[in-house]
Amino acid sequence: MKKELLQCIIITIITVISSTIRSESLVISEGIKKIETKDWLRTKEIYEVDSEKKLNSELNFMNENINGLEDKVQGVNGLIQELNGKRIVRGLDDVKLIEGNEYTEGGKILRIGDIHKYNNYNISKASLYSWLDPNQTVFNENNMYSWIHNYTNGGNPATEWRLLRGNFTLEKEELNSLKNKEINIILGIDTPNGFEPVLPFKNIVNVFVNGNMTPINYASQSNRGLTIDNITQTYQTMNYTSENLMNENYCNKEYHDSLSSHTDSYHVHLNTYLKDSKIVNGDIYKYINKNNSEAVNTIEILVGQLSTSSGGISKLDVFLVERPNLEIKCIPYIKNDNNENVYLLNDEKVSLGDKVFYRIEVHNNSEHINISYPKITTEIKTTPKEIFEINSKEITITRSGVTSSVNNANVYIDGSKDPHNNGLGALENYID
């Protein structure tokens, strides 16, 4: 094999984020910087509303599941407009023009039908803001907020909506590091053990950054979805039981349950990959103000509560996470008569029919960030193609073992075959 052959081997590493932010034991250190979100406000609770009517509601559900509060609910005439099979939720200014709504006020909880049973609700962000206008300070010293339900069981199911809003800013140097892909910007919560990429919630959650919908839209039980600004939010069911089974790399059940005690252990992981993407769901780089370090970035959390249960949420903060510094080597070798490795480092040649092995080494030279459970895609090409060609072959390391789409692939991690160790020492694959 000539030296030129080695130069046309391409190795692509697709795992960066999940490996970078996986560990629940990471503390806020030189590798992770917290950008605290501040000025958080929320929609008023029923007991905080000064006016006679404590809650705005779709007429069909104003007296459902209410426990002695029937006269405190404002049934809004014309709140819902039926149009082409959709249930359009009108904004406050529009419904005030309808007779009987002259004294309707915003800044309160909004009740509509349960989006699981009554599908096709459609609302604009402007209408959401008009009804839910956050105006009360929120989050205690534990950065948690929860509410109890004031309702009895039974009746028609409904969903009650609250909105929380906070903000953050980034310095010029931080923006430059993001643009240069030296760091990632990830949502998560601040815990006694440091940064954790989870969000405790119950029952339904949407997260917006600067008014843009992020991929964080989940439900603690099956829901069909809500259309916001004509974009349907198909809520993913992501609870602490089913997600642990499906994504064992991401969840430390005991620890995450303790962080989600106020939401009955329901939480979503913010370091899971989006489908067919190299981006995790908690990465907000796409949505931040990138050109002005003085610009204020807004985070909004829309929370839906099923009216037969209590609800809760945790404060989201922003974390700048150093990207790993990876060194990648691809070394061809053959086996001699004594089954010893003979590495082809110079201008050595091989004969027709020789079996050539490849040792692919991935070294993490980061001072602060560990790599766990990497996914590697190799793309090996030669000229002319008659020699051999292998494209898009994948090896994935998980807690439970190693999977590979490449035949005859052996994975060694830190000199052993134990997939639980951090870091990838070497991968060997041979090609006839």
Protein backbone atom coordinates (compact mmCIF):
# COMPACT_ATOMS: atom_id res chain seq x y z
CA MET A 1 0.00 0.00 0.00
CA LYS A 2 1.39 3.39 -0.95
CA LYS A 3 1.37 6.37 1.32
CA GLU A 4 -1.05 8.20 -1.00
CA LEU A 5 -3.75 5.65 -0.14
CA LEU A 6 -3.76 6.69 3.50
CA GLN A 7 -4.32 10.31 2.57
CA CYS A 8 -7.68 9.63 0.95
CA ILE A 9 -9.22 8.00 4.01
CA ILE A 10 -11.95 10.18 5.55
CA ILE A 11 -13.12 9.70 9.13
CA THR A 12 -16.15 11.64 10.36
CA ILE A 13 -17.14 11.90 14.03
CA ILE A 14 -20.82 12.66 14.47
CA THR A 15 -21.10 12.42 18.23
CA VAL A 16 -20.08 15.60 20.01
CA ILE A 17 -22.94 16.94 22.08
CA SER A 18 -24.33 13.83 23.72
CA SER A 19 -20.86 12.72 24.64
CA THR A 20 -19.96 16.14 25.93
CA ILE A 21 -22.91 16.71 28.25
CA ARG A 22 -23.92 13.23 29.25
CA SER A 23 -22.47 12.88 32.74
CA GLU A 24 -24.65 13.76 35.72
CA SER A 25 -21.49 14.14 37.81
CA LEU A 26 -20.17 17.14 35.85
CA VAL A 27 -19.90 20.30 37.89
CA ILE A 28 -19.80 23.83 36.54
CA SER A 29 -16.08 24.04 35.86
CA GLU A 30 -13.65 25.39 33.32
CA GLY A 31 -15.36 23.19 30.71
CA ILE A 32 -18.92 24.31 31.47
CA LYS A 33 -20.01 27.89 32.08
CA LYS A 34 -23.44 28.81 33.38
CA ILE A 35 -25.28 31.78 31.90
CA GLU A 36 -28.01 32.45 34.42
CA THR A 37 -31.44 33.31 33.12
CA LYS A 38 -33.13 36.06 35.08
CA ASP A 39 -36.21 38.26 35.48
CA TRP A 40 -38.53 35.24 35.34
CA LEU A 41 -42.25 36.00 35.40
CA ARG A 42 -45.30 33.75 35.19
CA THR A 43 -49.04 33.82 34.66
CA LYS A 44 -51.09 34.59 37.79
CA GLU A 45 -52.59 31.74 39.75
CA ILE A 46 -56.27 31.79 40.67
CA TYR A 47 -55.60 33.01 44.23
CA GLU A 48 -53.51 35.95 42.94
CA VAL A 49 -56.17 37.49 40.69
CA ASP A 50 -57.78 40.57 42.24
CA SER A 51 -60.84 40.73 40.00
CA GLU A 52 -63.99 38.70 40.55
CA LYS A 53 -63.28 36.25 37.74
CA LYS A 54 -60.16 34.19 38.46
CA LEU A 55 -59.87 32.05 35.32
CA ASN A 56 -60.68 32.44 31.61
CA SER A 57 -62.30 29.43 29.99
CA GLU A 58 -63.82 28.05 26.84
CA LEU A 59 -67.55 27.97 27.50
CA ASN A 60 -67.89 24.20 27.14
CA PHE A 61 -65.46 23.60 29.99
CA MET A 62 -65.96 26.52 32.39
CA ASN A 63 -67.65 24.47 35.11
CA GLU A 64 -65.93 21.13 34.60
CA ASN A 65 -63.89 19.69 37.47
CA ILE A 66 -64.36 22.90 39.46
CA ASN A 67 -64.55 22.55 43.24
CA GLY A 68 -66.67 25.41 44.58
CA LEU A 69 -65.28 27.95 42.10
CA GLU A 70 -68.07 27.96 39.55
CA ASP A 71 -68.81 31.66 39.99
CA LYS A 72 -65.11 32.55 39.71
CA VAL A 73 -64.64 31.29 36.15
CA GLN A 74 -65.01 33.66 33.20
CA GLY A 75 -66.67 31.81 30.36
CA VAL A 76 -65.50 33.61 27.22
CA ASN A 77 -68.09 34.00 24.48
CA GLY A 78 -66.63 33.27 21.05
CA LEU A 79 -63.24 32.21 22.40
CA ILE A 80 -63.22 29.35 19.91
CA GLN A 81 -63.88 29.91 16.21
CA GLU A 82 -64.68 26.77 14.21
CA LEU A 83 -63.02 27.09 10.81
CA ASN A 84 -62.31 24.32 8.27
CA GLY A 85 -62.29 21.67 10.97
CA LYS A 86 -59.96 23.69 13.19
CA ARG A 87 -60.71 25.17 16.59
CA ILE A 88 -59.13 28.63 16.39
CA VAL A 89 -58.44 30.24 19.79
CA ARG A 90 -59.07 33.96 19.39
CA GLY A 91 -56.95 36.59 21.10
CA LEU A 92 -58.11 38.81 23.96
CA ASP A 93 -58.60 41.95 21.86
CA ASP A 94 -60.78 40.07 19.39
CA VAL A 95 -63.09 38.53 21.98
CA LYS A 96 -63.53 41.86 23.77
CA LEU A 97 -65.44 43.04 20.71
CA ILE A 98 -68.01 40.28 21.28
CA GLU A 99 -71.01 41.07 23.47
CA GLY A 100 -70.61 39.84 27.03
CA ASN A 101 -66.80 39.94 26.98
CA GLU A 102 -66.30 43.66 27.58
CA TYR A 103 -64.72 43.14 31.01
CA THR A 104 -62.65 40.09 30.17
CA GLU A 105 -59.03 40.45 31.36
CA GLY A 106 -55.82 38.70 30.42
CA GLY A 107 -52.89 37.65 32.59
CA LYS A 108 -54.82 34.64 33.94
CA ILE A 109 -54.82 30.91 33.37
CA LEU A 110 -56.58 29.96 30.14
CA ARG A 111 -58.70 26.81 30.05
CA ILE A 112 -59.60 25.01 26.81
CA GLY A 113 -60.52 21.42 26.04
CA ASP A 114 -58.07 18.60 26.62
CA ILE A 115 -55.94 18.50 23.46
CA HIS A 116 -55.81 14.72 23.72
CA LYS A 117 -59.57 14.31 23.40
CA TYR A 118 -60.49 17.50 21.55
CA ASN A 119 -58.04 17.79 18.68
CA ASN A 120 -57.27 20.61 16.22
CA TYR A 121 -56.82 23.56 18.60
CA ASN A 122 -54.99 26.33 16.76
CA ILE A 123 -53.60 29.45 18.45
CA SER A 124 -51.10 32.15 17.57
CA LYS A 125 -48.29 33.22 19.89
CA ALA A 126 -49.81 36.71 19.95
CA SER A 127 -53.07 35.24 21.25
CA LEU A 128 -51.19 33.18 23.82
CA TYR A 129 -49.41 36.27 25.07
CA SER A 130 -52.66 38.24 25.31
CA TRP A 131 -54.29 35.61 27.53
CA LEU A 132 -51.35 34.45 29.62
CA ASP A 133 -49.23 37.63 29.99
CA PRO A 134 -46.61 36.68 32.64
CA ASN A 135 -46.60 39.27 35.42
CA GLN A 136 -45.73 37.48 38.67
CA THR A 137 -42.25 36.62 39.93
CA VAL A 138 -41.47 32.93 39.92
CA PHE A 139 -39.06 30.23 41.15
CA ASN A 140 -38.00 29.61 44.70
CA GLU A 141 -34.50 29.02 46.01
CA ASN A 142 -34.62 25.51 44.51
CA ASN A 143 -35.49 26.90 41.06
CA MET A 144 -38.73 24.92 41.06
CA TYR A 145 -42.34 25.98 40.61
CA SER A 146 -45.40 23.84 41.09
CA TRP A 147 -49.10 24.30 41.57
CA ILE A 148 -51.87 22.19 43.05
CA HIS A 149 -55.15 21.62 41.28
CA ASN A 150 -58.30 23.15 42.72
CA TYR A 151 -60.61 20.72 41.04
CA THR A 152 -62.49 17.52 41.67
CA ASN A 153 -62.20 14.51 39.41
CA GLY A 154 -64.87 13.81 36.84
CA GLY A 155 -66.52 15.86 34.15
CA ASN A 156 -65.10 16.65 30.73
CA PRO A 157 -61.30 16.83 30.55
CA ALA A 158 -59.73 20.24 30.00
CA THR A 159 -56.24 21.70 29.74
CA GLU A 160 -55.13 24.83 31.57
CA TRP A 161 -52.25 26.86 30.21
CA ARG A 162 -49.59 28.96 31.95
CA LEU A 163 -46.67 30.91 30.47
CA LEU A 164 -43.29 31.64 32.08
CA ARG A 165 -40.74 34.09 30.65
CA GLY A 166 -37.09 34.85 31.46
CA ASN A 167 -34.07 36.26 29.64
CA PHE A 168 -30.29 36.10 29.29
CA THR A 169 -27.45 37.88 27.52
CA LEU A 170 -24.17 36.70 26.04
CA GLU A 171 -20.83 38.50 25.97
CA LYS A 172 -18.99 39.23 22.75
CA GLU A 173 -16.29 36.64 23.52
CA GLU A 174 -18.93 33.99 24.15
CA LEU A 175 -20.66 34.74 20.86
CA ASN A 176 -17.33 34.51 19.05
CA SER A 177 -16.60 31.14 20.65
CA LEU A 178 -20.02 29.90 19.56
CA LYS A 179 -19.47 31.12 16.00
CA ASN A 180 -16.05 29.46 15.94
CA LYS A 181 -17.64 26.20 17.15
CA GLU A 182 -15.43 26.08 20.22
CA ILE A 183 -18.44 25.67 22.53
CA ASN A 184 -22.09 24.67 22.39
CA ILE A 185 -25.01 26.48 24.01
CA ILE A 186 -27.36 24.07 25.78
CA LEU A 187 -30.43 24.45 27.98
CA GLY A 188 -30.48 22.62 31.29
CA ILE A 189 -30.96 23.06 35.01
CA ASP A 190 -28.50 24.03 37.72
CA THR A 191 -28.35 21.38 40.44
CA PRO A 192 -26.28 20.86 43.62
CA ASN A 193 -24.01 18.69 41.45
CA GLY A 194 -23.79 21.23 38.63
CA PHE A 195 -25.23 21.30 35.14
CA GLU A 196 -27.79 18.66 34.21
CA PRO A 197 -29.41 18.53 30.74
CA VAL A 198 -32.94 17.67 31.88
CA LEU A 199 -36.20 19.59 32.29
CA PRO A 200 -38.72 18.40 34.90
CA PHE A 201 -42.27 19.20 33.77
CA LYS A 202 -45.90 18.16 34.04
CA ASN A 203 -48.08 17.70 31.99
CA ILE A 204 -47.28 19.45 28.67
CA VAL A 205 -44.36 21.72 27.80
CA ASN A 206 -43.24 23.95 24.92
CA VAL A 207 -40.03 26.00 25.04
CA PHE A 208 -39.52 29.12 22.89
CA VAL A 209 -36.31 31.13 22.44
CA ASN A 210 -36.72 34.67 21.11
CA GLY A 211 -40.23 33.73 20.04
CA ASN A 212 -39.03 30.74 18.01
CA MET A 213 -40.39 27.29 18.73
CA THR A 214 -37.64 24.89 19.74
CA PRO A 215 -37.84 21.08 19.45
CA ILE A 216 -38.67 20.92 23.17
CA ASN A 217 -42.36 19.99 23.03
CA TYR A 218 -43.29 17.04 25.19
CA ALA A 219 -46.18 15.56 27.15
CA SER A 220 -46.14 13.36 30.23
CA GLN A 221 -48.91 11.31 28.67
CA SER A 222 -50.22 10.83 25.17
CA ASN A 223 -51.49 14.03 23.55
CA ARG A 224 -52.32 14.69 19.93
CA GLY A 225 -50.87 18.16 19.75
CA LEU A 226 -51.57 21.87 19.62
CA THR A 227 -51.06 24.07 16.55
CA ILE A 228 -49.16 27.28 17.35
CA ASP A 229 -48.69 29.84 14.58
CA ASN A 230 -49.90 27.17 12.11
CA ILE A 231 -47.13 24.79 13.17
CA THR A 232 -48.51 21.64 14.76
CA GLN A 233 -46.76 20.64 17.96
CA THR A 234 -46.95 16.85 17.96
CA TYR A 235 -46.05 16.32 21.58
CA GLN A 236 -43.68 13.46 22.16
CA THR A 237 -44.53 11.28 25.10
CA MET A 238 -41.38 11.47 27.18
CA ASN A 239 -41.85 10.23 30.71
CA TYR A 240 -39.37 8.87 33.18
CA THR A 241 -40.36 5.24 32.60
CA SER A 242 -40.53 4.85 28.84
CA GLU A 243 -37.58 7.10 28.12
CA ASN A 244 -35.31 5.22 30.48
CA LEU A 245 -36.03 2.05 28.57
CA MET A 246 -35.43 3.65 25.17
CA ASN A 247 -32.55 5.97 25.99
CA GLU A 248 -30.53 4.31 28.71
CA ASN A 249 -27.46 6.38 27.81
CA TYR A 250 -29.15 9.60 28.88
CA CYS A 251 -31.03 8.90 32.10
CA ASN A 252 -29.77 8.31 35.59
CA LYS A 253 -33.16 7.33 36.94
CA GLU A 254 -32.61 7.76 40.66
CA TYR A 255 -30.86 11.10 40.28
CA HIS A 256 -33.24 12.50 37.67
CA ASP A 257 -36.26 11.37 39.68
CA SER A 258 -34.92 13.32 42.65
CA LEU A 259 -34.61 16.44 40.49
CA SER A 260 -38.20 15.92 39.32
CA SER A 261 -39.86 15.31 42.69
CA HIS A 262 -42.22 18.28 42.12
CA THR A 263 -43.39 16.86 38.77
CA ASP A 264 -44.04 13.27 39.88
CA SER A 265 -40.66 12.33 38.33
CA TYR A 266 -41.70 13.37 34.82
CA HIS A 267 -38.83 14.96 32.92
CA VAL A 268 -37.37 15.27 29.46
CA HIS A 269 -33.69 14.89 28.54
CA LEU A 270 -32.19 17.82 26.64
CA ASN A 271 -29.17 15.97 25.26
CA THR A 272 -30.97 13.59 22.92
CA TYR A 273 -30.44 13.86 19.18
CA LEU A 274 -33.11 15.17 16.89
CA LYS A 275 -34.13 12.74 14.19
CA ASP A 276 -31.70 12.67 11.25
CA SER A 277 -29.64 15.44 12.83
CA LYS A 278 -26.33 16.10 14.54
CA ILE A 279 -28.06 18.54 16.91
CA VAL A 280 -29.51 17.73 20.32
CA ASN A 281 -32.90 19.03 21.38
CA GLY A 282 -31.46 21.34 24.04
CA ASP A 283 -29.08 23.18 21.67
CA ILE A 284 -30.40 26.72 21.11
CA TYR A 285 -27.65 28.22 18.92
CA LYS A 286 -30.06 28.39 16.00
CA TYR A 287 -32.39 30.72 17.92
CA ILE A 288 -30.13 33.16 19.78
CA ASN A 289 -29.20 36.71 18.75
CA LYS A 290 -25.79 36.15 17.17
CA ASN A 291 -24.74 39.60 16.02
CA ASN A 292 -25.23 41.78 19.09
CA SER A 293 -23.69 40.96 22.45
CA GLU A 294 -25.96 43.53 24.12
CA ALA A 295 -29.13 41.91 22.81
CA VAL A 296 -31.46 40.31 25.34
CA ASN A 297 -32.46 36.74 24.53
CA THR A 298 -35.87 35.60 25.76
CA ILE A 299 -36.85 32.14 26.97
CA GLU A 300 -40.52 31.23 27.31
CA ILE A 301 -41.98 28.05 28.75
CA LEU A 302 -45.59 27.24 27.87
CA VAL A 303 -46.99 24.68 30.30
CA GLY A 304 -50.28 22.83 29.95
CA GLN A 305 -51.87 21.14 32.95
CA LEU A 306 -54.55 18.49 32.72
CA SER A 307 -57.28 19.59 35.09
CA THR A 308 -57.30 16.38 37.10
CA SER A 309 -53.70 16.60 38.29
CA SER A 310 -51.12 18.94 39.77
CA GLY A 311 -48.39 20.42 37.63
CA GLY A 312 -44.88 21.82 37.83
CA ILE A 313 -41.77 23.05 36.03
CA SER A 314 -38.12 23.89 36.76
CA LYS A 315 -36.13 26.97 35.86
CA LEU A 316 -34.12 26.63 32.67
CA ASP A 317 -30.63 28.12 32.58
CA VAL A 318 -28.18 28.37 29.69
CA PHE A 319 -24.85 26.53 29.70
CA LEU A 320 -21.84 27.01 27.47
CA VAL A 321 -20.20 23.62 27.05
CA GLU A 322 -16.69 23.23 25.72
CA ARG A 323 -16.46 21.00 22.68
CA PRO A 324 -14.09 18.04 22.90
CA ASN A 325 -10.67 18.31 21.28
CA LEU A 326 -10.44 15.11 19.29
CA GLU A 327 -7.39 13.70 17.56
CA ILE A 328 -8.14 11.08 14.92
CA LYS A 329 -5.67 8.65 13.41
CA CYS A 330 -6.21 5.98 10.76
CA ILE A 331 -3.33 3.51 10.43
CA PRO A 332 -3.36 0.58 7.95
CA TYR A 333 -1.59 -2.63 8.85
CA ILE A 334 -1.26 -6.26 7.85
CA LYS A 335 -0.65 -9.46 9.80
CA ASN A 336 2.66 -11.29 9.34
CA ASP A 337 3.17 -15.05 9.50
CA ASN A 338 3.34 -14.85 13.30
CA ASN A 339 -0.01 -13.02 13.43
CA GLU A 340 1.76 -9.83 14.50
CA ASN A 341 0.63 -6.39 13.38
CA VAL A 342 2.86 -4.76 10.77
CA TYR A 343 1.85 -1.11 10.46
CA LEU A 344 2.13 0.53 7.04
CA LEU A 345 3.54 3.88 8.08
CA ASN A 346 5.83 4.71 5.17
CA ASP A 347 5.77 3.56 1.54
CA GLU A 348 5.18 -0.11 2.21
CA LYS A 349 3.24 -1.98 -0.43
CA VAL A 350 0.87 -4.92 -0.17
CA SER A 351 0.28 -7.70 -2.64
CA LEU A 352 -2.89 -8.63 -4.45
CA GLY A 353 -5.08 -10.69 -2.14
CA ASP A 354 -3.48 -9.44 1.09
CA LYS A 355 -5.91 -8.71 3.90
CA VAL A 356 -5.52 -5.10 5.07
CA PHE A 357 -6.64 -4.00 8.53
CA TYR A 358 -7.31 -0.44 9.68
CA ARG A 359 -6.69 0.87 13.16
CA ILE A 360 -8.81 3.97 13.73
CA GLU A 361 -7.83 5.80 16.89
CA VAL A 362 -9.90 8.57 18.43
CA HIS A 363 -8.14 10.41 21.24
CA ASN A 364 -9.85 12.99 23.41
CA ASN A 365 -7.29 15.67 24.26
CA SER A 366 -9.77 17.87 26.12
CA GLU A 367 -8.71 19.01 29.57
CA HIS A 368 -12.22 19.24 30.97
CA ILE A 369 -14.67 17.18 28.91
CA ASN A 370 -15.06 13.40 28.89
CA ILE A 371 -16.42 11.43 25.95
CA SER A 372 -19.03 8.77 26.62
CA TYR A 373 -20.79 6.45 24.19
CA PRO A 374 -19.49 7.86 20.89
CA LYS A 375 -20.94 7.14 17.46
CA ILE A 376 -18.46 6.96 14.61
CA THR A 377 -19.11 6.94 10.89
CA THR A 378 -16.22 5.89 8.66
CA GLU A 379 -16.01 6.68 5.00
CA ILE A 380 -13.06 4.97 3.33
CA LYS A 381 -12.42 5.52 -0.38
CA THR A 382 -9.54 4.85 -2.70
CA THR A 383 -8.56 5.73 -6.25
CA PRO A 384 -9.06 3.77 -8.37
CA LYS A 385 -12.30 2.40 -6.91
CA GLU A 386 -11.42 -1.11 -8.06
CA ILE A 387 -9.19 -1.50 -4.98
CA PHE A 388 -11.97 -1.13 -2.42
CA GLU A 389 -14.56 1.33 -1.22
CA ILE A 390 -16.55 1.42 2.01
CA ASN A 391 -18.98 4.23 2.78
CA SER A 392 -21.10 5.25 5.76
CA LYS A 393 -20.24 2.44 8.12
CA GLU A 394 -21.27 3.08 11.69
CA ILE A 395 -20.06 1.93 15.09
CA THR A 396 -21.97 2.98 18.20
CA ILE A 397 -20.87 2.59 21.83
CA THR A 398 -23.65 2.29 24.44
CA ARG A 399 -23.89 1.25 28.06
CA SER A 400 -25.08 -2.18 27.04
CA GLY A 401 -22.42 -2.88 24.44
CA VAL A 402 -21.16 -2.13 20.98
CA THR A 403 -23.18 -2.20 17.78
CA SER A 404 -21.67 -1.94 14.33
CA SER A 405 -22.81 -1.91 10.72
CA VAL A 406 -19.29 -2.92 9.70
CA ASN A 407 -18.54 -6.64 9.56
CA ASN A 408 -15.54 -7.84 11.51
CA ALA A 409 -15.21 -4.64 13.58
CA ASN A 410 -13.54 -4.82 16.97
CA VAL A 411 -13.84 -1.89 19.35
CA TYR A 412 -11.29 -1.26 22.09
CA ILE A 413 -11.98 1.39 24.68
CA ASP A 414 -9.03 2.66 26.71
CA GLY A 415 -7.16 -0.51 25.90
CA SER A 416 -10.01 -2.82 26.92
CA LYS A 417 -13.25 -4.14 25.44
CA ASP A 418 -15.34 -2.66 28.25
CA PRO A 419 -17.88 -0.25 26.61
CA HIS A 420 -18.60 1.37 29.98
CA ASN A 421 -15.26 3.17 30.09
CA ASN A 422 -15.10 6.76 28.90
CA GLY A 423 -13.27 7.55 25.70
CA LEU A 424 -12.56 5.53 22.58
CA GLY A 425 -9.08 4.09 22.38
CA ALA A 426 -9.09 2.33 19.03
CA LEU A 427 -11.35 0.70 16.50
CA GLU A 428 -10.08 -2.03 14.22
CA ASN A 429 -11.73 -3.07 11.01
CA TYR A 430 -10.35 -5.22 8.21
CA ILE A 431 -11.14 -5.17 4.56
CA ASP A 432 -10.42 -8.06 2.18
